[in-house]
Amino acid sequence: MADLTLVYGMRLLPAGEVAGVQAAPVALKNGNEAQVTMHILEGSREQIEAQLRLSIDAFFDFYPEI
């Protein structure tokens, strides 16, 4: 399998301040555009870390070929 690129971003904001998020655009070298789905995790540091680990595991479950 070819090497891959994982695109992600993180930012911590005060609880209750986020009204919504939108997909983030990614410009590809071939001129096309892809979208990155944004996710929200809330809770204490420990809760966020646990949720993030589960989300990463679930993400790679969608791609069993890698």
PDB file of N, CA and C in Angstrom:
ATOM      1  N   MET A   1       0.843  -1.175   0.000  1.00  0.00           N
ATOM      2  CA  MET A   1       0.000   0.000   0.000  1.00  0.00           C
ATOM      3  C   MET A   1       0.890   1.241   0.000  1.00  0.00           C
ATOM      4  N   ALA A   2       0.432   2.265  -0.697  1.00  0.00           N
ATOM      5  CA  ALA A   2       1.164   3.531  -0.764  1.00  0.00           C
ATOM      6  C   ALA A   2       1.105   4.251   0.571  1.00  0.00           C
ATOM      7  N   ASP A   3       2.056   5.158   0.779  1.00  0.00           N
ATOM      8  CA  ASP A   3       2.006   5.995   1.974  1.00  0.00           C
ATOM      9  C   ASP A   3       0.741   6.849   1.929  1.00  0.00           C
ATOM     10  N   LEU A   4       0.259   7.205   3.098  1.00  0.00           N
ATOM     11  CA  LEU A   4      -0.973   7.977   3.228  1.00  0.00           C
ATOM     12  C   LEU A   4      -0.714   9.288   3.954  1.00  0.00           C
ATOM     13  N   THR A   5      -1.650  10.203   3.867  1.00  0.00           N
ATOM     14  CA  THR A   5      -1.597  11.459   4.610  1.00  0.00           C
ATOM     15  C   THR A   5      -2.861  11.561   5.452  1.00  0.00           C
ATOM     16  N   LEU A   6      -2.707  11.725   6.757  1.00  0.00           N
ATOM     17  CA  LEU A   6      -3.849  11.935   7.644  1.00  0.00           C
ATOM     18  C   LEU A   6      -3.979  13.438   7.892  1.00  0.00           C
ATOM     19  N   VAL A   7      -5.136  13.989   7.567  1.00  0.00           N
ATOM     20  CA  VAL A   7      -5.399  15.417   7.770  1.00  0.00           C
ATOM     21  C   VAL A   7      -6.302  15.552   8.992  1.00  0.00           C
ATOM     22  N   TYR A   8      -5.875  16.343   9.970  1.00  0.00           N
ATOM     23  CA  TYR A   8      -6.700  16.536  11.164  1.00  0.00           C
ATOM     24  C   TYR A   8      -6.363  17.874  11.804  1.00  0.00           C
ATOM     25  N   GLY A   9      -7.225  18.308  12.703  1.00  0.00           N
ATOM     26  CA  GLY A   9      -6.992  19.533  13.451  1.00  0.00           C
ATOM     27  C   GLY A   9      -7.637  19.428  14.815  1.00  0.00           C
ATOM     28  N   MET A  10      -7.122  20.172  15.763  1.00  0.00           N
ATOM     29  CA  MET A  10      -7.689  20.173  17.117  1.00  0.00           C
ATOM     30  C   MET A  10      -7.656  21.582  17.675  1.00  0.00           C
ATOM     31  N   ARG A  11      -8.671  21.869  18.463  1.00  0.00           N
ATOM     32  CA  ARG A  11      -8.696  23.140  19.187  1.00  0.00           C
ATOM     33  C   ARG A  11      -9.602  22.972  20.390  1.00  0.00           C
ATOM     34  N   LEU A  12      -9.149  23.419  21.537  1.00  0.00           N
ATOM     35  CA  LEU A  12      -9.969  23.391  22.751  1.00  0.00           C
ATOM     36  C   LEU A  12     -10.639  24.740  22.929  1.00  0.00           C
ATOM     37  N   LEU A  13     -11.940  24.705  23.179  1.00  0.00           N
ATOM     38  CA  LEU A  13     -12.738  25.907  23.423  1.00  0.00           C
ATOM     39  C   LEU A  13     -13.545  25.694  24.695  1.00  0.00           C
ATOM     40  N   PRO A  14     -14.012  26.755  25.321  1.00  0.00           N
ATOM     41  CA  PRO A  14     -14.816  26.599  26.534  1.00  0.00           C
ATOM     42  C   PRO A  14     -16.072  25.769  26.260  1.00  0.00           C
ATOM     43  N   ALA A  15     -16.412  24.900  27.201  1.00  0.00           N
ATOM     44  CA  ALA A  15     -17.601  24.060  27.066  1.00  0.00           C
ATOM     45  C   ALA A  15     -18.830  24.922  26.858  1.00  0.00           C
ATOM     46  N   GLY A  16     -19.682  24.497  25.949  1.00  0.00           N
ATOM     47  CA  GLY A  16     -20.926  25.209  25.690  1.00  0.00           C
ATOM     48  C   GLY A  16     -20.817  26.374  24.736  1.00  0.00           C
ATOM     49  N   GLU A  17     -19.615  26.699  24.260  1.00  0.00           N
ATOM     50  CA  GLU A  17     -19.437  27.851  23.382  1.00  0.00           C
ATOM     51  C   GLU A  17     -19.578  27.515  21.905  1.00  0.00           C
ATOM     52  N   VAL A  18     -19.452  26.252  21.528  1.00  0.00           N
ATOM     53  CA  VAL A  18     -19.501  25.871  20.114  1.00  0.00           C
ATOM     54  C   VAL A  18     -20.956  25.716  19.684  1.00  0.00           C
ATOM     55  N   ALA A  19     -21.355  26.510  18.700  1.00  0.00           N
ATOM     56  CA  ALA A  19     -22.721  26.447  18.178  1.00  0.00           C
ATOM     57  C   ALA A  19     -22.825  25.453  17.026  1.00  0.00           C
ATOM     58  N   GLY A  20     -21.716  25.166  16.345  1.00  0.00           N
ATOM     59  CA  GLY A  20     -21.719  24.229  15.231  1.00  0.00           C
ATOM     60  C   GLY A  20     -20.379  24.228  14.531  1.00  0.00           C
ATOM     61  N   VAL A  21     -20.170  23.220  13.719  1.00  0.00           N
ATOM     62  CA  VAL A  21     -18.950  23.124  12.912  1.00  0.00           C
ATOM     63  C   VAL A  21     -19.348  22.729  11.496  1.00  0.00           C
ATOM     64  N   GLN A  22     -18.473  23.029  10.553  1.00  0.00           N
ATOM     65  CA  GLN A  22     -18.692  22.670   9.162  1.00  0.00           C
ATOM     66  C   GLN A  22     -17.508  21.853   8.672  1.00  0.00           C
ATOM     67  N   ALA A  23     -17.711  21.146   7.576  1.00  0.00           N
ATOM     68  CA  ALA A  23     -16.612  20.395   6.971  1.00  0.00           C
ATOM     69  C   ALA A  23     -15.516  21.371   6.545  1.00  0.00           C
ATOM     70  N   ALA A  24     -14.279  20.945   6.664  1.00  0.00           N
ATOM     71  CA  ALA A  24     -13.141  21.778   6.277  1.00  0.00           C
ATOM     72  C   ALA A  24     -12.676  21.367   4.887  1.00  0.00           C
ATOM     73  N   PRO A  25     -12.446  22.331   4.004  1.00  0.00           N
ATOM     74  CA  PRO A  25     -11.984  21.988   2.656  1.00  0.00           C
ATOM     75  C   PRO A  25     -10.495  21.644   2.637  1.00  0.00           C
ATOM     76  N   VAL A  26     -10.151  20.713   1.765  1.00  0.00           N
ATOM     77  CA  VAL A  26      -8.757  20.337   1.540  1.00  0.00           C
ATOM     78  C   VAL A  26      -8.495  20.467   0.044  1.00  0.00           C
ATOM     79  N   ALA A  27      -7.525  21.290  -0.347  1.00  0.00           N
ATOM     80  CA  ALA A  27      -7.164  21.462  -1.755  1.00  0.00           C
ATOM     81  C   ALA A  27      -6.179  20.368  -2.155  1.00  0.00           C
ATOM     82  N   LEU A  28      -6.504  19.645  -3.213  1.00  0.00           N
ATOM     83  CA  LEU A  28      -5.635  18.580  -3.708  1.00  0.00           C
ATOM     84  C   LEU A  28      -4.776  19.097  -4.857  1.00  0.00           C
ATOM     85  N   LYS A  29      -3.616  18.492  -5.054  1.00  0.00           N
ATOM     86  CA  LYS A  29      -2.686  18.931  -6.100  1.00  0.00           C
ATOM     87  C   LYS A  29      -3.287  18.833  -7.498  1.00  0.00           C
ATOM     88  N   ASN A  30      -4.235  17.912  -7.694  1.00  0.00           N
ATOM     89  CA  ASN A  30      -4.833  17.751  -9.027  1.00  0.00           C
ATOM     90  C   ASN A  30      -5.922  18.786  -9.304  1.00  0.00           C
ATOM     91  N   GLY A  31      -6.108  19.736  -8.399  1.00  0.00           N
ATOM     92  CA  GLY A  31      -7.096  20.786  -8.587  1.00  0.00           C
ATOM     93  C   GLY A  31      -8.444  20.489  -7.957  1.00  0.00           C
ATOM     94  N   ASN A  32      -8.664  19.253  -7.538  1.00  0.00           N
ATOM     95  CA  ASN A  32      -9.917  18.890  -6.881  1.00  0.00           C
ATOM     96  C   ASN A  32      -9.901  19.334  -5.426  1.00  0.00           C
ATOM     97  N   GLU A  33     -11.068  19.274  -4.823  1.00  0.00           N
ATOM     98  CA  GLU A  33     -11.196  19.604  -3.409  1.00  0.00           C
ATOM     99  C   GLU A  33     -11.860  18.441  -2.691  1.00  0.00           C
ATOM    100  N   ALA A  34     -11.377  18.113  -1.503  1.00  0.00           N
ATOM    101  CA  ALA A  34     -11.981  17.094  -0.647  1.00  0.00           C
ATOM    102  C   ALA A  34     -12.497  17.792   0.605  1.00  0.00           C
ATOM    103  N   GLN A  35     -13.312  17.097   1.357  1.00  0.00           N
ATOM    104  CA  GLN A  35     -13.851  17.648   2.592  1.00  0.00           C
ATOM    105  C   GLN A  35     -13.396  16.797   3.771  1.00  0.00           C
ATOM    106  N   VAL A  36     -13.081  17.438   4.877  1.00  0.00           N
ATOM    107  CA  VAL A  36     -12.744  16.756   6.121  1.00  0.00           C
ATOM    108  C   VAL A  36     -13.895  16.989   7.091  1.00  0.00           C
ATOM    109  N   THR A  37     -14.503  15.910   7.553  1.00  0.00           N
ATOM    110  CA  THR A  37     -15.589  16.020   8.516  1.00  0.00           C
ATOM    111  C   THR A  37     -15.026  16.429   9.867  1.00  0.00           C
ATOM    112  N   MET A  38     -15.638  17.419  10.471  1.00  0.00           N
ATOM    113  CA  MET A  38     -15.197  17.889  11.769  1.00  0.00           C
ATOM    114  C   MET A  38     -16.053  17.224  12.850  1.00  0.00           C
ATOM    115  N   HIS A  39     -15.456  16.985  14.011  1.00  0.00           N
ATOM    116  CA  HIS A  39     -16.154  16.323  15.109  1.00  0.00           C
ATOM    117  C   HIS A  39     -15.984  17.142  16.385  1.00  0.00           C
ATOM    118  N   ILE A  40     -16.919  16.981  17.289  1.00  0.00           N
ATOM    119  CA  ILE A  40     -16.847  17.660  18.589  1.00  0.00           C
ATOM    120  C   ILE A  40     -16.822  16.602  19.683  1.00  0.00           C
ATOM    121  N   LEU A  41     -15.866  16.722  20.595  1.00  0.00           N
ATOM    122  CA  LEU A  41     -15.776  15.879  21.785  1.00  0.00           C
ATOM    123  C   LEU A  41     -15.823  16.803  22.986  1.00  0.00           C
ATOM    124  N   GLU A  42     -16.672  16.499  23.949  1.00  0.00           N
ATOM    125  CA  GLU A  42     -16.799  17.350  25.132  1.00  0.00           C
ATOM    126  C   GLU A  42     -16.604  16.533  26.396  1.00  0.00           C
ATOM    127  N   GLY A  43     -16.165  17.185  27.438  1.00  0.00           N
ATOM    128  CA  GLY A  43     -15.983  16.545  28.732  1.00  0.00           C
ATOM    129  C   GLY A  43     -14.696  16.994  29.379  1.00  0.00           C
ATOM    130  N   SER A  44     -14.276  16.256  30.379  1.00  0.00           N
ATOM    131  CA  SER A  44     -12.999  16.543  31.035  1.00  0.00           C
ATOM    132  C   SER A  44     -11.862  16.109  30.116  1.00  0.00           C
ATOM    133  N   ARG A  45     -10.654  16.462  30.471  1.00  0.00           N
ATOM    134  CA  ARG A  45      -9.498  16.049  29.675  1.00  0.00           C
ATOM    135  C   ARG A  45      -9.492  14.536  29.504  1.00  0.00           C
ATOM    136  N   GLU A  46      -9.702  13.808  30.585  1.00  0.00           N
ATOM    137  CA  GLU A  46      -9.681  12.347  30.527  1.00  0.00           C
ATOM    138  C   GLU A  46     -10.789  11.814  29.627  1.00  0.00           C
ATOM    139  N   GLN A  47     -11.976  12.404  29.713  1.00  0.00           N
ATOM    140  CA  GLN A  47     -13.093  11.957  28.878  1.00  0.00           C
ATOM    141  C   GLN A  47     -12.819  12.237  27.399  1.00  0.00           C
ATOM    142  N   ILE A  48     -12.281  13.407  27.120  1.00  0.00           N
ATOM    143  CA  ILE A  48     -11.958  13.760  25.735  1.00  0.00           C
ATOM    144  C   ILE A  48     -10.893  12.821  25.184  1.00  0.00           C
ATOM    145  N   GLU A  49      -9.846  12.552  25.961  1.00  0.00           N
ATOM    146  CA  GLU A  49      -8.784  11.648  25.510  1.00  0.00           C
ATOM    147  C   GLU A  49      -9.341  10.252  25.222  1.00  0.00           C
ATOM    148  N   ALA A  50     -10.213   9.743  26.096  1.00  0.00           N
ATOM    149  CA  ALA A  50     -10.792   8.408  25.900  1.00  0.00           C
ATOM    150  C   ALA A  50     -11.672   8.386  24.647  1.00  0.00           C
ATOM    151  N   GLN A  51     -12.490   9.435  24.468  1.00  0.00           N
ATOM    152  CA  GLN A  51     -13.348   9.511  23.285  1.00  0.00           C
ATOM    153  C   GLN A  51     -12.521   9.604  22.010  1.00  0.00           C
ATOM    154  N   LEU A  52     -11.427  10.370  22.066  1.00  0.00           N
ATOM    155  CA  LEU A  52     -10.560  10.522  20.893  1.00  0.00           C
ATOM    156  C   LEU A  52      -9.926   9.187  20.515  1.00  0.00           C
ATOM    157  N   ARG A  53      -9.459   8.436  21.499  1.00  0.00           N
ATOM    158  CA  ARG A  53      -8.877   7.116  21.208  1.00  0.00           C
ATOM    159  C   ARG A  53      -9.905   6.202  20.544  1.00  0.00           C
ATOM    160  N   LEU A  54     -11.126   6.202  21.059  1.00  0.00           N
ATOM    161  CA  LEU A  54     -12.180   5.381  20.453  1.00  0.00           C
ATOM    162  C   LEU A  54     -12.498   5.838  19.036  1.00  0.00           C
ATOM    163  N   SER A  55     -12.518   7.142  18.817  1.00  0.00           N
ATOM    164  CA  SER A  55     -12.796   7.677  17.488  1.00  0.00           C
ATOM    165  C   SER A  55     -11.706   7.285  16.496  1.00  0.00           C
ATOM    166  N   ILE A  56     -10.448   7.333  16.924  1.00  0.00           N
ATOM    167  CA  ILE A  56      -9.345   6.942  16.039  1.00  0.00           C
ATOM    168  C   ILE A  56      -9.460   5.467  15.680  1.00  0.00           C
ATOM    169  N   ASP A  57      -9.730   4.622  16.662  1.00  0.00           N
ATOM    170  CA  ASP A  57      -9.900   3.193  16.392  1.00  0.00           C
ATOM    171  C   ASP A  57     -11.054   2.963  15.417  1.00  0.00           C
ATOM    172  N   ALA A  58     -12.165   3.640  15.636  1.00  0.00           N
ATOM    173  CA  ALA A  58     -13.334   3.484  14.771  1.00  0.00           C
ATOM    174  C   ALA A  58     -13.029   3.982  13.358  1.00  0.00           C
ATOM    175  N   PHE A  59     -12.284   5.073  13.243  1.00  0.00           N
ATOM    176  CA  PHE A  59     -11.919   5.615  11.936  1.00  0.00           C
ATOM    177  C   PHE A  59     -11.162   4.573  11.117  1.00  0.00           C
ATOM    178  N   PHE A  60     -10.175   3.935  11.721  1.00  0.00           N
ATOM    179  CA  PHE A  60      -9.386   2.956  10.984  1.00  0.00           C
ATOM    180  C   PHE A  60     -10.164   1.672  10.725  1.00  0.00           C
ATOM    181  N   ASP A  61     -11.223   1.412  11.479  1.00  0.00           N
ATOM    182  CA  ASP A  61     -12.094   0.266  11.188  1.00  0.00           C
ATOM    183  C   ASP A  61     -12.794   0.437   9.838  1.00  0.00           C
ATOM    184  N   PHE A  62     -12.991   1.685   9.398  1.00  0.00           N
ATOM    185  CA  PHE A  62     -13.600   1.944   8.091  1.00  0.00           C
ATOM    186  C   PHE A  62     -12.668   1.579   6.944  1.00  0.00           C
ATOM    187  N   TYR A  63     -11.380   1.443   7.222  1.00  0.00           N
ATOM    188  CA  TYR A  63     -10.376   1.161   6.208  1.00  0.00           C
ATOM    189  C   TYR A  63      -9.594  -0.089   6.551  1.00  0.00           C
ATOM    190  N   PRO A  64     -10.229  -1.260   6.528  1.00  0.00           N
ATOM    191  CA  PRO A  64      -9.537  -2.494   6.940  1.00  0.00           C
ATOM    192  C   PRO A  64      -8.370  -2.855   6.015  1.00  0.00           C
ATOM    193  N   GLU A  65      -8.340  -2.292   4.813  1.00  0.00           N
ATOM    194  CA  GLU A  65      -7.276  -2.629   3.868  1.00  0.00           C
ATOM    195  C   GLU A  65      -5.938  -1.961   4.183  1.00  0.00           C
ATOM    196  N   ILE A  66      -5.941  -1.001   5.135  1.00  0.00           N
ATOM    197  CA  ILE A  66      -4.654  -0.357   5.473  1.00  0.00           C
ATOM    198  C   ILE A  66      -4.123  -0.875   6.795  1.00  0.00           C
TER     199      ILE A  66
END
